[in-house]
Amino acid sequence: MSTTRRGLLAAFLLSFALLMAPAGLHAQTADPLPSWNDGQAKQSIQAFVERVTRKGGPDFVPLNERIAVFDNDGTLWSEQPVYFQFMFALDRLRELVKANPTLAAREPYKSALSGDPAALAALGEKGLLQIMALTHAGATTDDFAASVSTWLATAQHPRFFRPYTELVFQPMLELLAYLRANGFKTFIVSGGGVEFMRVFAEKVYGIPPEQVIGSSGKIEFALDGDTPSLRKLPEVEFIDDGPGKPVGINRFIGRRPIFAAGNSDGDLQMLQWTTMNKGPRFGLIVHHTDAVREWAYDRSSHIGKLDKALDQAPTRGWLVVDMQADWNAVYPFEKK
């Protein structure tokens, strides 16, 4: 090959390399967490992921052990003024009252229908479970899923006037995707109803139904001719909250996570179970500090109370994410 031809070929190859470099460089250096402000929170997350995925490094974690668990209410989407599933239950209760008006005069339904957050909080777990039993039981699992799907497509949040599935946290969606891109298997471990969350978790979070753990009622199998069904019963089987979360993780996952994210004292034991063990561990608490874009609440809140877990965070080494300071966007619609 002549000197001239070699020069032309080299110039062509160099031009081609320069042309292709920006796309490849962008793919490698694009920020996986653009809704997180640069700072200690974002840096500590990325540093942890880099540590556990660096082959040959002292903290390398094999793929099958990269388990990350996330609470749902208040961690992946908002939870004020009451848990969104309870809003669904209230709408169902109103429909039942139309058919049976006497329900409106009986407790706990009377307090629930009042719309007063303090009255709802005063119902306690027993009252809430009564309402859930009345509004969720009797249907087949397929019919229940259909009713949840219809409600999510039509109901709107009373403050934002948007579908509830739009009130997911954009930074947490990015975190889920970032972890999965680095070999993590992501699970929801929530006090919410498992049948409720499974309707939207895959579409909204990218988490399939088999990776959703939640509270559950008893279900019975029935066979009507050649048609099998599962019917929801008005009895509680499992409460996946507080100390129930590590139990649920053990029962349904079978591995101790290395990453856990929550936002309230209901997540305390899950954070303890995940992080108080040998090897690299990461605990994250979403602290609701933004009254303008979302809500500001912690120790005295009737929903998502964050008290004991907030006190333990410094000594346990848990990252407390300040929503106002650490996130440049809260919801996906802010990015449009």
Protein backbone atom coordinates (compact mmCIF):
# COMPACT_ATOMS: atom_id res chain seq x y z
CA MET A 1 0.00 0.00 0.00
CA SER A 2 1.36 3.40 -0.97
CA THR A 3 2.17 6.08 1.59
CA THR A 4 -0.67 8.23 0.23
CA ARG A 5 -3.25 5.46 0.54
CA ARG A 6 -2.03 4.62 4.05
CA GLY A 7 -2.43 8.26 5.02
CA LEU A 8 -5.94 8.43 3.59
CA LEU A 9 -6.93 5.20 5.40
CA ALA A 10 -5.50 6.46 8.69
CA ALA A 11 -7.32 9.75 8.30
CA PHE A 12 -10.57 7.92 7.56
CA LEU A 13 -10.19 5.66 10.60
CA LEU A 14 -9.37 8.60 12.85
CA SER A 15 -12.38 10.55 11.58
CA PHE A 16 -14.62 7.54 12.11
CA ALA A 17 -13.32 7.06 15.65
CA LEU A 18 -13.88 10.72 16.47
CA LEU A 19 -17.39 10.56 15.01
CA MET A 20 -18.33 7.54 17.10
CA ALA A 21 -16.62 8.60 20.32
CA PRO A 22 -19.24 11.07 21.61
CA ALA A 23 -22.03 8.50 21.53
CA GLY A 24 -19.96 5.87 23.27
CA LEU A 25 -18.56 8.37 25.76
CA HIS A 26 -22.04 9.68 26.52
CA ALA A 27 -23.32 6.14 27.12
CA GLN A 28 -20.56 5.52 29.64
CA THR A 29 -20.61 8.84 31.45
CA ALA A 30 -24.32 9.78 31.42
CA ASP A 31 -25.56 10.52 34.93
CA PRO A 32 -27.72 7.58 36.08
CA LEU A 33 -29.23 9.72 38.87
CA PRO A 34 -29.97 13.09 37.24
CA SER A 35 -32.76 14.01 39.70
CA TRP A 36 -30.34 13.71 42.61
CA ASN A 37 -28.36 16.84 43.40
CA ASP A 38 -24.60 16.41 43.52
CA GLY A 39 -23.71 15.91 47.14
CA GLN A 40 -23.12 13.40 49.90
CA ALA A 41 -26.34 11.42 49.36
CA LYS A 42 -25.79 10.80 45.66
CA GLN A 43 -22.07 10.18 46.10
CA SER A 44 -22.57 7.63 48.87
CA ILE A 45 -25.07 5.65 46.79
CA GLN A 46 -22.78 5.56 43.78
CA ALA A 47 -19.74 4.74 45.89
CA PHE A 48 -21.55 1.77 47.45
CA VAL A 49 -22.67 0.41 44.07
CA GLU A 50 -19.15 0.79 42.67
CA ARG A 51 -17.70 -1.04 45.70
CA VAL A 52 -19.99 -4.06 45.51
CA THR A 53 -19.75 -4.43 41.72
CA ARG A 54 -15.96 -4.05 41.36
CA LYS A 55 -14.66 -7.50 40.45
CA GLY A 56 -11.65 -8.43 42.49
CA GLY A 57 -12.38 -5.72 45.03
CA PRO A 58 -12.60 -6.50 48.77
CA ASP A 59 -16.33 -5.68 48.90
CA PHE A 60 -17.41 -7.39 45.67
CA VAL A 61 -20.85 -9.01 45.98
CA PRO A 62 -21.87 -11.78 43.55
CA LEU A 63 -24.90 -11.15 41.37
CA ASN A 64 -27.14 -13.61 43.19
CA GLU A 65 -26.57 -11.77 46.48
CA ARG A 66 -27.32 -8.28 45.19
CA ILE A 67 -30.77 -7.95 46.75
CA ALA A 68 -32.34 -4.53 47.30
CA VAL A 69 -35.63 -4.01 49.15
CA PHE A 70 -37.82 -0.92 49.08
CA ASP A 71 -40.78 0.14 51.12
CA ASN A 72 -43.56 1.57 48.93
CA ASP A 73 -45.69 4.17 50.74
CA GLY A 74 -43.60 7.27 51.39
CA THR A 75 -40.51 5.67 49.85
CA LEU A 76 -41.42 5.06 46.21
CA TRP A 77 -44.53 7.26 46.06
CA SER A 78 -46.27 9.77 48.31
CA GLU A 79 -48.46 8.72 51.22
CA GLN A 80 -50.25 11.90 52.31
CA PRO A 81 -52.88 12.84 53.38
CA VAL A 82 -53.50 9.09 53.88
CA TYR A 83 -52.10 5.94 52.28
CA PHE A 84 -53.27 5.72 48.68
CA GLN A 85 -54.65 2.22 49.15
CA PHE A 86 -56.84 3.59 51.90
CA MET A 87 -58.13 6.21 49.46
CA PHE A 88 -59.09 3.30 47.22
CA ALA A 89 -60.82 1.63 50.17
CA LEU A 90 -62.72 4.84 50.98
CA ASP A 91 -64.00 5.08 47.42
CA ARG A 92 -65.11 1.45 47.66
CA LEU A 93 -66.75 2.18 51.01
CA ARG A 94 -68.74 5.06 49.52
CA GLU A 95 -70.07 2.70 46.85
CA LEU A 96 -71.07 0.17 49.51
CA VAL A 97 -72.83 2.89 51.51
CA LYS A 98 -74.95 3.75 48.50
CA ALA A 99 -76.21 0.18 48.50
CA ASN A 100 -76.44 -0.03 52.32
CA PRO A 101 -76.84 3.46 53.89
CA THR A 102 -76.85 2.07 57.45
CA LEU A 103 -73.08 1.55 57.16
CA ALA A 104 -72.54 5.31 57.30
CA ALA A 105 -73.77 5.46 60.90
CA ARG A 106 -71.54 2.63 62.15
CA GLU A 107 -67.95 2.80 63.29
CA PRO A 108 -65.30 2.66 62.00
CA TYR A 109 -67.03 3.54 58.74
CA LYS A 110 -68.52 6.77 60.09
CA SER A 111 -65.09 8.15 61.06
CA ALA A 112 -63.56 6.95 57.81
CA LEU A 113 -66.18 8.76 55.74
CA SER A 114 -65.72 11.99 57.71
CA GLY A 115 -62.55 12.78 55.76
CA ASP A 116 -60.85 14.04 58.92
CA PRO A 117 -57.20 12.82 58.98
CA ALA A 118 -57.20 12.89 62.80
CA ALA A 119 -60.32 10.73 62.89
CA LEU A 120 -58.76 8.31 60.42
CA ALA A 121 -55.59 8.11 62.52
CA ALA A 122 -57.67 7.47 65.65
CA LEU A 123 -59.17 4.36 64.07
CA GLY A 124 -55.94 2.51 64.70
CA GLU A 125 -54.91 -0.73 63.05
CA LYS A 126 -58.09 -2.54 64.10
CA GLY A 127 -60.37 0.04 62.49
CA LEU A 128 -58.34 0.20 59.31
CA LEU A 129 -58.34 -3.58 59.02
CA GLN A 130 -62.13 -3.62 59.43
CA ILE A 131 -62.49 -1.20 56.56
CA MET A 132 -60.05 -3.12 54.41
CA ALA A 133 -61.87 -6.37 55.15
CA LEU A 134 -65.23 -4.89 54.19
CA THR A 135 -64.03 -3.22 51.00
CA HIS A 136 -61.54 -5.82 49.76
CA ALA A 137 -63.13 -9.16 50.65
CA GLY A 138 -65.62 -11.20 48.66
CA ALA A 139 -64.14 -10.53 45.24
CA THR A 140 -62.01 -12.91 43.27
CA THR A 141 -58.39 -11.89 42.92
CA ASP A 142 -58.99 -11.20 39.21
CA ASP A 143 -62.01 -8.99 39.91
CA PHE A 144 -60.13 -7.17 42.67
CA ALA A 145 -57.18 -6.49 40.37
CA ALA A 146 -59.58 -5.17 37.72
CA SER A 147 -61.21 -2.81 40.24
CA VAL A 148 -57.80 -1.50 41.36
CA SER A 149 -56.78 -0.98 37.76
CA THR A 150 -59.96 0.95 37.01
CA TRP A 151 -59.56 3.08 40.13
CA LEU A 152 -55.94 3.95 39.32
CA ALA A 153 -56.98 4.98 35.81
CA THR A 154 -59.76 7.28 37.02
CA ALA A 155 -59.05 8.49 40.58
CA GLN A 156 -57.08 11.67 41.21
CA HIS A 157 -55.12 12.86 44.19
CA PRO A 158 -57.02 15.57 46.15
CA ARG A 159 -54.06 18.00 46.18
CA PHE A 160 -52.33 17.47 42.84
CA PHE A 161 -55.37 16.41 40.77
CA ARG A 162 -53.30 13.79 39.03
CA PRO A 163 -53.52 9.98 38.95
CA TYR A 164 -51.93 8.43 42.00
CA THR A 165 -49.41 6.58 39.84
CA GLU A 166 -47.98 9.94 38.75
CA LEU A 167 -47.05 10.71 42.35
CA VAL A 168 -44.09 8.36 42.28
CA PHE A 169 -40.69 9.75 43.15
CA GLN A 170 -38.54 10.37 40.08
CA PRO A 171 -35.25 10.05 42.04
CA MET A 172 -36.32 6.66 43.38
CA LEU A 173 -37.30 5.45 39.90
CA GLU A 174 -33.79 6.37 38.81
CA LEU A 175 -32.31 4.59 41.82
CA LEU A 176 -34.25 1.40 41.02
CA ALA A 177 -33.06 1.49 37.41
CA TYR A 178 -29.48 2.24 38.48
CA LEU A 179 -29.38 -0.71 40.85
CA ARG A 180 -30.87 -3.07 38.27
CA ALA A 181 -28.35 -1.87 35.68
CA ASN A 182 -25.68 -2.97 38.14
CA GLY A 183 -27.04 -6.45 38.68
CA PHE A 184 -29.34 -5.88 41.65
CA LYS A 185 -32.68 -7.63 41.99
CA THR A 186 -35.20 -5.13 43.37
CA PHE A 187 -38.11 -6.01 45.63
CA ILE A 188 -40.97 -4.09 47.21
CA VAL A 189 -41.44 -4.94 50.89
CA SER A 190 -44.37 -2.87 52.09
CA GLY A 191 -47.16 -2.75 54.65
CA GLY A 192 -49.55 -2.14 51.74
CA GLY A 193 -51.72 -4.90 50.36
CA VAL A 194 -49.83 -7.26 48.09
CA GLU A 195 -52.78 -7.74 45.72
CA PHE A 196 -53.16 -3.96 45.44
CA MET A 197 -49.49 -3.22 44.68
CA ARG A 198 -49.05 -6.03 42.18
CA VAL A 199 -51.52 -4.35 39.85
CA PHE A 200 -49.21 -1.41 39.10
CA ALA A 201 -45.72 -2.29 40.40
CA GLU A 202 -44.34 -3.69 37.16
CA LYS A 203 -45.65 -0.90 34.95
CA VAL A 204 -44.70 1.92 37.34
CA TYR A 205 -41.53 0.63 39.02
CA GLY A 206 -40.32 -2.16 36.75
CA ILE A 207 -40.77 -4.62 39.62
CA PRO A 208 -42.67 -7.79 38.61
CA PRO A 209 -45.47 -9.15 40.80
CA GLU A 210 -43.39 -12.05 42.10
CA GLN A 211 -40.99 -9.49 43.61
CA VAL A 212 -43.70 -7.66 45.55
CA ILE A 213 -44.11 -8.55 49.24
CA GLY A 214 -46.94 -6.99 51.20
CA SER A 215 -49.67 -7.50 53.75
CA SER A 216 -52.20 -10.11 52.72
CA GLY A 217 -55.62 -11.41 53.60
CA LYS A 218 -56.64 -15.03 53.48
CA ILE A 219 -57.62 -16.39 50.09
CA GLU A 220 -59.50 -19.56 49.23
CA PHE A 221 -59.53 -21.63 46.06
CA ALA A 222 -62.87 -22.47 44.43
CA LEU A 223 -63.81 -24.51 41.37
CA ASP A 224 -67.08 -23.69 39.65
CA GLY A 225 -67.44 -26.36 37.00
CA ASP A 226 -64.27 -25.98 34.97
CA THR A 227 -63.62 -22.42 36.15
CA PRO A 228 -61.09 -22.08 38.99
CA SER A 229 -60.87 -18.90 41.04
CA LEU A 230 -59.24 -17.44 44.12
CA ARG A 231 -61.56 -15.48 46.41
CA LYS A 232 -60.48 -12.92 49.00
CA LEU A 233 -61.73 -13.59 52.55
CA PRO A 234 -62.39 -11.01 55.30
CA GLU A 235 -59.49 -12.30 57.41
CA VAL A 236 -55.94 -11.02 57.78
CA GLU A 237 -53.19 -13.53 57.03
CA PHE A 238 -49.98 -11.49 57.29
CA ILE A 239 -49.05 -7.90 58.19
CA ASP A 240 -45.88 -6.91 56.37
CA ASP A 241 -44.96 -3.96 58.54
CA GLY A 242 -42.49 -3.30 61.36
CA PRO A 243 -41.05 -6.63 62.57
CA GLY A 244 -43.14 -8.37 59.92
CA LYS A 245 -40.88 -7.05 57.17
CA PRO A 246 -37.79 -9.14 58.02
CA VAL A 247 -40.13 -12.13 58.44
CA GLY A 248 -41.58 -11.50 55.00
CA ILE A 249 -38.11 -11.08 53.47
CA ASN A 250 -37.02 -14.38 54.96
CA ARG A 251 -40.19 -16.17 53.87
CA PHE A 252 -40.48 -14.88 50.32
CA ILE A 253 -36.93 -13.93 49.29
CA GLY A 254 -34.80 -16.28 51.34
CA ARG A 255 -31.75 -14.01 51.24
CA ARG A 256 -30.80 -11.11 53.46
CA PRO A 257 -30.68 -7.92 51.35
CA ILE A 258 -27.59 -5.75 51.12
CA PHE A 259 -29.60 -2.59 50.33
CA ALA A 260 -32.79 -1.38 52.03
CA ALA A 261 -34.77 1.83 51.62
CA GLY A 262 -37.63 3.09 53.77
CA ASN A 263 -39.08 6.28 55.20
CA SER A 264 -40.71 5.54 58.53
CA ASP A 265 -40.50 3.60 61.77
CA GLY A 266 -42.45 0.87 60.01
CA ASP A 267 -39.22 0.21 58.11
CA LEU A 268 -36.96 0.20 61.18
CA GLN A 269 -36.65 -3.57 61.54
CA MET A 270 -36.11 -4.03 57.79
CA LEU A 271 -33.24 -1.54 57.94
CA GLN A 272 -31.80 -3.28 60.99
CA TRP A 273 -32.12 -6.73 59.41
CA THR A 274 -30.40 -5.56 56.24
CA THR A 275 -27.54 -3.51 57.65
CA MET A 276 -26.65 -5.09 60.99
CA ASN A 277 -24.67 -7.90 59.42
CA LYS A 278 -21.17 -8.48 58.06
CA GLY A 279 -20.12 -7.34 54.62
CA PRO A 280 -21.08 -4.22 52.66
CA ARG A 281 -24.56 -2.98 53.58
CA PHE A 282 -26.58 0.12 52.78
CA GLY A 283 -29.58 1.63 54.56
CA LEU A 284 -31.49 4.60 53.14
CA ILE A 285 -34.26 6.71 54.68
CA VAL A 286 -36.33 9.14 52.64
CA HIS A 287 -36.91 12.14 54.91
CA HIS A 288 -39.92 14.19 53.85
CA THR A 289 -38.69 17.77 54.23
CA ASP A 290 -40.27 19.53 51.26
CA ALA A 291 -43.61 21.14 52.14
CA VAL A 292 -43.75 22.99 48.81
CA ARG A 293 -43.20 20.19 46.30
CA GLU A 294 -44.50 17.36 48.53
CA TRP A 295 -44.94 17.39 52.35
CA ALA A 296 -42.74 17.98 55.39
CA TYR A 297 -43.29 15.55 58.27
CA ASP A 298 -41.52 13.09 60.53
CA ARG A 299 -41.84 12.53 64.29
CA SER A 300 -45.42 13.67 64.91
CA SER A 301 -47.06 12.62 61.66
CA HIS A 302 -50.21 10.50 61.73
CA ILE A 303 -48.95 8.86 58.52
CA GLY A 304 -45.37 7.67 57.96
CA LYS A 305 -44.07 8.60 61.40
CA LEU A 306 -40.27 8.80 61.40
CA ASP A 307 -38.90 8.91 64.93
CA LYS A 308 -36.92 5.92 66.19
CA ALA A 309 -35.40 5.20 62.78
CA LEU A 310 -34.32 8.82 62.46
CA ASP A 311 -32.59 8.64 65.84
CA GLN A 312 -30.79 5.41 64.95
CA ALA A 313 -29.66 6.52 61.49
CA PRO A 314 -26.41 8.27 62.55
CA THR A 315 -25.16 5.41 64.73
CA ARG A 316 -26.20 2.75 62.20
CA GLY A 317 -24.63 4.61 59.30
CA TRP A 318 -27.91 4.92 57.37
CA LEU A 319 -28.18 7.58 54.71
CA VAL A 320 -30.95 10.08 55.49
CA VAL A 321 -32.06 11.61 52.20
CA ASP A 322 -33.26 15.19 52.64
CA MET A 323 -35.95 15.46 49.99
CA GLN A 324 -35.71 19.25 49.76
CA ALA A 325 -31.91 19.41 49.61
CA ASP A 326 -31.00 16.20 47.80
CA TRP A 327 -33.63 16.04 45.03
CA ASN A 328 -33.89 18.57 42.22
CA ALA A 329 -37.19 16.98 41.16
CA VAL A 330 -39.73 15.01 43.18
CA TYR A 331 -42.21 13.72 40.58
CA PRO A 332 -41.73 12.67 36.94
CA PHE A 333 -44.04 15.41 35.67
CA GLU A 334 -41.58 18.02 36.99
CA LYS A 335 -39.04 16.81 34.43
CA LYS A 336 -41.30 17.42 31.41
